C-alpha atoms as a PDB file:
ATOM      1  CA  MET A   1       0.000   0.000   0.000  1.00  0.00           C
ATOM      2  CA  ALA A   2       2.781   2.471   0.874  1.00  0.00           C
ATOM      3  CA  ASN A   3       4.468   1.935  -2.496  1.00  0.00           C
ATOM      4  CA  GLU A   4       1.145   2.590  -4.248  1.00  0.00           C
ATOM      5  CA  GLU A   5       0.730   5.783  -2.231  1.00  0.00           C
ATOM      6  CA  LEU A   6       4.221   6.895  -3.142  1.00  0.00           C
ATOM      7  CA  LEU A   7       3.702   6.117  -6.829  1.00  0.00           C
ATOM      8  CA  ALA A   8       0.485   8.170  -6.761  1.00  0.00           C
ATOM      9  CA  HIS A   9       2.399  11.014  -5.129  1.00  0.00           C
ATOM     10  CA  ILE A  10       5.094  10.774  -7.809  1.00  0.00           C
ATOM     11  CA  GLU A  11       2.407  11.146 -10.456  1.00  0.00           C
ATOM     12  CA  ARG A  12       1.090  14.267  -8.703  1.00  0.00           C
ATOM     13  CA  VAL A  13       4.628  15.702  -8.624  1.00  0.00           C
ATOM     14  CA  ARG A  14       5.000  15.002 -12.338  1.00  0.00           C
ATOM     15  CA  THR A  15       1.774  16.910 -12.959  1.00  0.00           C
ATOM     16  CA  GLU A  16       3.043  19.827 -10.849  1.00  0.00           C
ATOM     17  CA  LEU A  17       6.349  19.751 -12.721  1.00  0.00           C
ATOM     18  CA  VAL A  18       4.577  20.009 -16.070  1.00  0.00           C
ATOM     19  CA  ALA A  19       2.534  22.948 -14.757  1.00  0.00           C
ATOM     20  CA  ALA A  20       5.509  24.710 -13.127  1.00  0.00           C
ATOM     21  CA  LYS A  21       6.358  28.059 -14.670  1.00  0.00           C
ATOM     22  CA  ASN A  22       9.855  29.486 -14.922  1.00  0.00           C
ATOM     23  CA  ILE A  23      11.650  26.274 -14.001  1.00  0.00           C
ATOM     24  CA  SER A  24      14.965  25.980 -15.781  1.00  0.00           C
ATOM     25  CA  PRO A  25      15.436  23.135 -18.259  1.00  0.00           C
ATOM     26  CA  GLU A  26      18.284  21.847 -16.081  1.00  0.00           C
ATOM     27  CA  ASP A  27      16.109  21.715 -12.952  1.00  0.00           C
ATOM     28  CA  ARG A  28      13.267  20.128 -14.911  1.00  0.00           C
ATOM     29  CA  ASP A  29      15.634  17.447 -16.226  1.00  0.00           C
ATOM     30  CA  LEU A  30      17.126  16.819 -12.782  1.00  0.00           C
ATOM     31  CA  VAL A  31      13.672  16.452 -11.224  1.00  0.00           C
ATOM     32  CA  GLY A  32      12.701  13.999 -13.973  1.00  0.00           C
ATOM     33  CA  ILE A  33      15.842  11.944 -13.408  1.00  0.00           C
ATOM     34  CA  LEU A  34      15.275  11.870  -9.637  1.00  0.00           C
ATOM     35  CA  MET A  35      11.698  10.709 -10.080  1.00  0.00           C
ATOM     36  CA  THR A  36      12.831   7.988 -12.487  1.00  0.00           C
ATOM     37  CA  ASP A  37      15.386   6.871  -9.885  1.00  0.00           C
ATOM     38  CA  ILE A  38      12.696   6.749  -7.192  1.00  0.00           C
ATOM     39  CA  VAL A  39      10.460   4.560  -9.340  1.00  0.00           C
ATOM     40  CA  ALA A  40      13.453   2.313 -10.113  1.00  0.00           C
ATOM     41  CA  HIS A  41      14.159   1.920  -6.370  1.00  0.00           C
ATOM     42  CA  LEU A  42      10.528   1.068  -5.695  1.00  0.00           C
ATOM     43  CA  THR A  43      10.415  -1.596  -8.365  1.00  0.00           C
ATOM     44  CA  GLU A  44      13.733  -3.245  -7.488  1.00  0.00           C
ATOM     45  CA  GLU A  45      13.581  -6.175  -5.142  1.00  0.00           C
ATOM     46  CA  GLU A  46      16.874  -5.185  -3.580  1.00  0.00           C
ATOM     47  CA  SER A  47      18.544  -1.833  -3.444  1.00  0.00           C
ATOM     48  CA  ASP A  48      21.905  -1.252  -1.837  1.00  0.00           C
ATOM     49  CA  GLU A  49      22.211   1.170   1.040  1.00  0.00           C
ATOM     50  CA  GLN A  50      24.652   3.463  -0.760  1.00  0.00           C
ATOM     51  CA  ALA A  51      22.248   3.935  -3.682  1.00  0.00           C
ATOM     52  CA  ARG A  52      19.427   4.765  -1.247  1.00  0.00           C
ATOM     53  CA  GLY A  53      21.634   7.294   0.546  1.00  0.00           C
ATOM     54  CA  ASN A  54      22.671   8.933  -2.721  1.00  0.00           C
ATOM     55  CA  LEU A  55      19.044   9.217  -3.797  1.00  0.00           C
ATOM     56  CA  SER A  56      18.053  10.786  -0.492  1.00  0.00           C
ATOM     57  CA  ASP A  57      20.932  13.271  -0.651  1.00  0.00           C
ATOM     58  CA  ARG A  58      20.080  14.261  -4.220  1.00  0.00           C
ATOM     59  CA  LEU A  59      16.396  14.716  -3.338  1.00  0.00           C
ATOM     60  CA  ARG A  60      17.215  16.941  -0.383  1.00  0.00           C
ATOM     61  CA  LYS A  61      19.588  19.027  -2.504  1.00  0.00           C
ATOM     62  CA  GLN A  62      16.896  19.477  -5.145  1.00  0.00           C
ATOM     63  CA  VAL A  63      14.347  20.532  -2.522  1.00  0.00           C
ATOM     64  CA  THR A  64      16.784  23.199  -1.344  1.00  0.00           C
ATOM     65  CA  ASN A  65      17.249  24.406  -4.930  1.00  0.00           C
ATOM     66  CA  LEU A  66      13.493  24.587  -5.562  1.00  0.00           C
ATOM     67  CA  GLU A  67      12.347  26.149  -2.275  1.00  0.00           C
ATOM     68  CA  VAL A  68      12.734  29.788  -3.293  1.00  0.00           C
ATOM     69  CA  ASP A  69      11.329  29.745  -6.818  1.00  0.00           C
ATOM     70  CA  HIS A  70       8.989  26.742  -6.666  1.00  0.00           C
ATOM     71  CA  PRO A  71       7.794  26.228  -3.073  1.00  0.00           C
ATOM     72  CA  LYS A  72       4.837  24.042  -4.060  1.00  0.00           C
ATOM     73  CA  LEU A  73       7.088  21.659  -5.985  1.00  0.00           C
ATOM     74  CA  ALA A  74       9.651  21.720  -3.164  1.00  0.00           C
ATOM     75  CA  GLY A  75       6.906  20.836  -0.678  1.00  0.00           C
ATOM     76  CA  ALA A  76       5.822  17.919  -2.835  1.00  0.00           C
ATOM     77  CA  PHE A  77       9.391  16.640  -2.889  1.00  0.00           C
ATOM     78  CA  GLU A  78       9.691  17.059   0.874  1.00  0.00           C
ATOM     79  CA  ARG A  79       6.592  14.885   1.322  1.00  0.00           C
ATOM     80  CA  MET A  80       8.108  12.352  -1.064  1.00  0.00           C
ATOM     81  CA  ILE A  81      11.333  12.289   0.967  1.00  0.00           C
ATOM     82  CA  ASN A  82       9.313  11.617   4.124  1.00  0.00           C
ATOM     83  CA  MET A  83       7.400   8.806   2.407  1.00  0.00           C
ATOM     84  CA  LEU A  84      10.655   7.255   1.205  1.00  0.00           C
ATOM     85  CA  ALA A  85      12.126   7.488   4.696  1.00  0.00           C
ATOM     86  CA  SER A  86       9.104   5.728   6.163  1.00  0.00           C
ATOM     87  CA  LEU A  87       9.698   2.926   3.642  1.00  0.00           C
ATOM     88  CA  GLY A  88      13.359   2.701   4.586  1.00  0.00           C
ATOM     89  CA  ILE A  89      14.539   4.102   1.259  1.00  0.00           C
END
């Protein structure tokens, strides 16, 4: 159930990303890559701890980058980080 919730949240973030105004192409690409990585982690049966840590670090860095110009998107990522943490990812 938690994975389904997270996947639904990822879809909402994708929708927000498409609707986001004034987001740089680089940030848009980075967000897309991070979301692809999250889905990959959710669908893998095993994921090593280093990969999970790298993903978490990259997500937190992106939230920091988005907070000023795109607070709604940053908030969505913060919720996603919390969901991932509750899943042990």
